[in-house]
Amino acid sequence: MTELSAGKLYHETAFRHLLNNEASRSQRSGLAYHVLLFSRDTADGKRMPLDAKVAVSVTKVLKKCLRDTDYIGWYRDGRVMGGVLTAMGKEFGADHIEDLTSRIVDMLCSELGEKEVEDFQIDIFSADKWAAGADQ
């Protein structure tokens, strides 16, 4: 698997491959996974490119908030970063998602400042929602 050495991010093709593998593994094992998507959106919902400073900060924060077994990479190169939260137990529910999202936002505010973080969008999808087309 190709990994970008500077940011330790999987490129889009590798990330999507890992995501598909995780979906297959999840079906076999019965252990759920979740998909985290991070983007910067305009007021009318259009995705803006993530500049290098933001991408590096998001990568650092995700590496601190996610586990070593999770994957971080580009879901849509330059615009949407993603995380695959592998082998999540059934107990990982709405409260855990809210806590994780809050932790990520708080750390990004510390890294970049509150003003910079205002237009960030963080979504975390369960395997079921993802399979139903949550990324559409």
Protein backbone atom coordinates (compact mmCIF):
# COMPACT_ATOMS: atom_id res chain seq x y z
CA MET A 1 0.00 0.00 0.00
CA THR A 2 1.37 3.39 -0.93
CA GLU A 3 1.49 5.89 1.86
CA LEU A 4 2.54 9.53 1.60
CA SER A 5 5.56 9.79 3.86
CA ALA A 6 5.21 13.45 4.85
CA GLY A 7 1.66 13.30 6.19
CA LYS A 8 1.35 9.52 6.59
CA LEU A 9 -1.84 9.65 4.53
CA TYR A 10 -2.96 6.94 2.18
CA HIS A 11 -3.71 8.31 -1.28
CA GLU A 12 -7.27 8.01 -2.55
CA THR A 13 -6.91 4.70 -4.40
CA ALA A 14 -5.15 2.99 -1.48
CA PHE A 15 -7.58 4.44 1.06
CA ARG A 16 -10.63 3.24 -0.88
CA HIS A 17 -9.01 -0.18 -1.27
CA LEU A 18 -8.50 -0.39 2.51
CA LEU A 19 -12.08 0.77 3.07
CA ASN A 20 -13.42 -1.98 0.78
CA ASN A 21 -11.23 -4.56 2.53
CA GLU A 22 -12.57 -3.43 5.90
CA ALA A 23 -16.15 -3.75 4.67
CA SER A 24 -15.43 -7.34 3.55
CA ARG A 25 -13.64 -8.16 6.81
CA SER A 26 -16.54 -6.74 8.76
CA GLN A 27 -19.03 -8.97 6.94
CA ARG A 28 -16.94 -12.06 7.71
CA SER A 29 -16.13 -11.24 11.33
CA GLY A 30 -19.30 -9.48 12.40
CA LEU A 31 -17.25 -6.61 13.85
CA ALA A 32 -18.54 -3.25 12.69
CA TYR A 33 -16.50 -0.41 11.25
CA HIS A 34 -17.16 3.31 10.94
CA VAL A 35 -16.11 5.83 8.32
CA LEU A 36 -15.04 9.35 9.26
CA LEU A 37 -15.09 12.06 6.58
CA PHE A 38 -13.52 15.47 7.05
CA SER A 39 -14.01 18.36 4.64
CA ARG A 40 -14.16 22.09 4.46
CA ASP A 41 -17.46 23.29 3.01
CA THR A 42 -18.72 26.63 1.79
CA ALA A 43 -22.01 28.04 3.08
CA ASP A 44 -23.78 26.52 0.06
CA GLY A 45 -22.30 23.07 0.72
CA LYS A 46 -19.52 22.97 -1.88
CA ARG A 47 -16.28 21.23 -0.92
CA MET A 48 -13.24 23.46 -0.78
CA PRO A 49 -9.71 22.16 -1.29
CA LEU A 50 -7.80 21.57 1.94
CA ASP A 51 -4.56 23.53 1.94
CA ALA A 52 -1.34 21.90 3.15
CA LYS A 53 -1.44 23.56 6.60
CA VAL A 54 -4.96 22.27 7.27
CA ALA A 55 -4.17 18.80 5.89
CA VAL A 56 -1.12 18.47 8.15
CA SER A 57 -3.07 19.66 11.20
CA VAL A 58 -5.98 17.32 10.50
CA THR A 59 -3.58 14.42 10.02
CA LYS A 60 -1.85 15.15 13.34
CA VAL A 61 -5.16 15.41 15.18
CA LEU A 62 -6.60 12.25 13.64
CA LYS A 63 -3.44 10.32 14.50
CA LYS A 64 -3.88 11.42 18.13
CA CYS A 65 -7.62 10.65 18.23
CA LEU A 66 -7.75 7.39 16.27
CA ARG A 67 -6.13 4.05 17.01
CA ASP A 68 -3.04 2.59 15.34
CA THR A 69 -5.30 0.02 13.68
CA ASP A 70 -7.41 2.69 11.98
CA TYR A 71 -6.62 4.11 8.53
CA ILE A 72 -6.26 7.78 7.61
CA GLY A 73 -6.16 8.95 4.03
CA TRP A 74 -7.66 10.93 1.18
CA TYR A 75 -11.22 9.93 0.35
CA ARG A 76 -11.32 12.56 -2.39
CA ASP A 77 -7.81 13.80 -3.05
CA GLY A 78 -7.32 17.36 -1.93
CA ARG A 79 -10.89 17.87 -0.73
CA VAL A 80 -12.04 15.12 1.65
CA MET A 81 -9.89 13.30 4.18
CA GLY A 82 -11.15 10.10 5.69
CA GLY A 83 -10.64 7.66 8.48
CA VAL A 84 -11.66 4.02 8.67
CA LEU A 85 -12.32 3.02 12.25
CA THR A 86 -11.71 -0.71 12.08
CA ALA A 87 -13.24 -3.52 14.15
CA MET A 88 -15.47 -1.36 16.29
CA GLY A 89 -17.54 -3.08 18.93
CA LYS A 90 -21.32 -2.79 19.09
CA GLU A 91 -20.93 -0.42 22.05
CA PHE A 92 -19.51 2.31 19.77
CA GLY A 93 -22.67 4.37 19.43
CA ALA A 94 -23.93 7.91 19.18
CA ASP A 95 -22.33 9.02 22.46
CA HIS A 96 -18.91 7.77 21.35
CA ILE A 97 -19.29 9.42 17.95
CA GLU A 98 -20.22 12.72 19.57
CA ASP A 99 -17.25 12.48 21.98
CA LEU A 100 -14.82 11.68 19.16
CA THR A 101 -16.14 14.51 16.99
CA SER A 102 -15.90 16.98 19.89
CA ARG A 103 -12.34 15.87 20.68
CA ILE A 104 -11.30 16.33 17.04
CA VAL A 105 -12.90 19.80 16.85
CA ASP A 106 -11.34 20.90 20.16
CA MET A 107 -7.88 19.77 19.07
CA LEU A 108 -8.24 21.45 15.67
CA CYS A 109 -9.30 24.69 17.38
CA SER A 110 -6.12 24.50 19.45
CA GLU A 111 -4.03 23.80 16.34
CA LEU A 112 -5.58 26.27 13.91
CA GLY A 113 -7.81 28.64 15.87
CA GLU A 114 -11.58 28.72 16.17
CA LYS A 115 -12.10 31.00 13.16
CA GLU A 116 -10.25 28.58 10.88
CA VAL A 117 -12.37 25.62 12.04
CA GLU A 118 -15.81 27.21 11.52
CA ASP A 119 -16.40 25.76 8.06
CA PHE A 120 -15.08 22.27 8.78
CA GLN A 121 -17.45 19.35 8.36
CA ILE A 122 -16.88 16.07 10.24
CA ASP A 123 -19.19 13.13 9.66
CA ILE A 124 -18.91 9.64 11.11
CA PHE A 125 -20.96 6.90 9.48
CA SER A 126 -21.72 3.41 10.76
CA ALA A 127 -21.07 0.50 8.40
CA ASP A 128 -24.81 0.19 7.76
CA LYS A 129 -25.22 3.85 6.83
CA TRP A 130 -22.06 3.70 4.72
CA ALA A 131 -23.29 0.64 2.83
CA ALA A 132 -26.60 2.43 2.20
CA GLY A 133 -24.74 5.19 0.35
CA ALA A 134 -23.91 7.74 3.04
CA ASP A 135 -21.13 9.25 0.93
CA GLN A 136 -23.48 10.23 -1.89
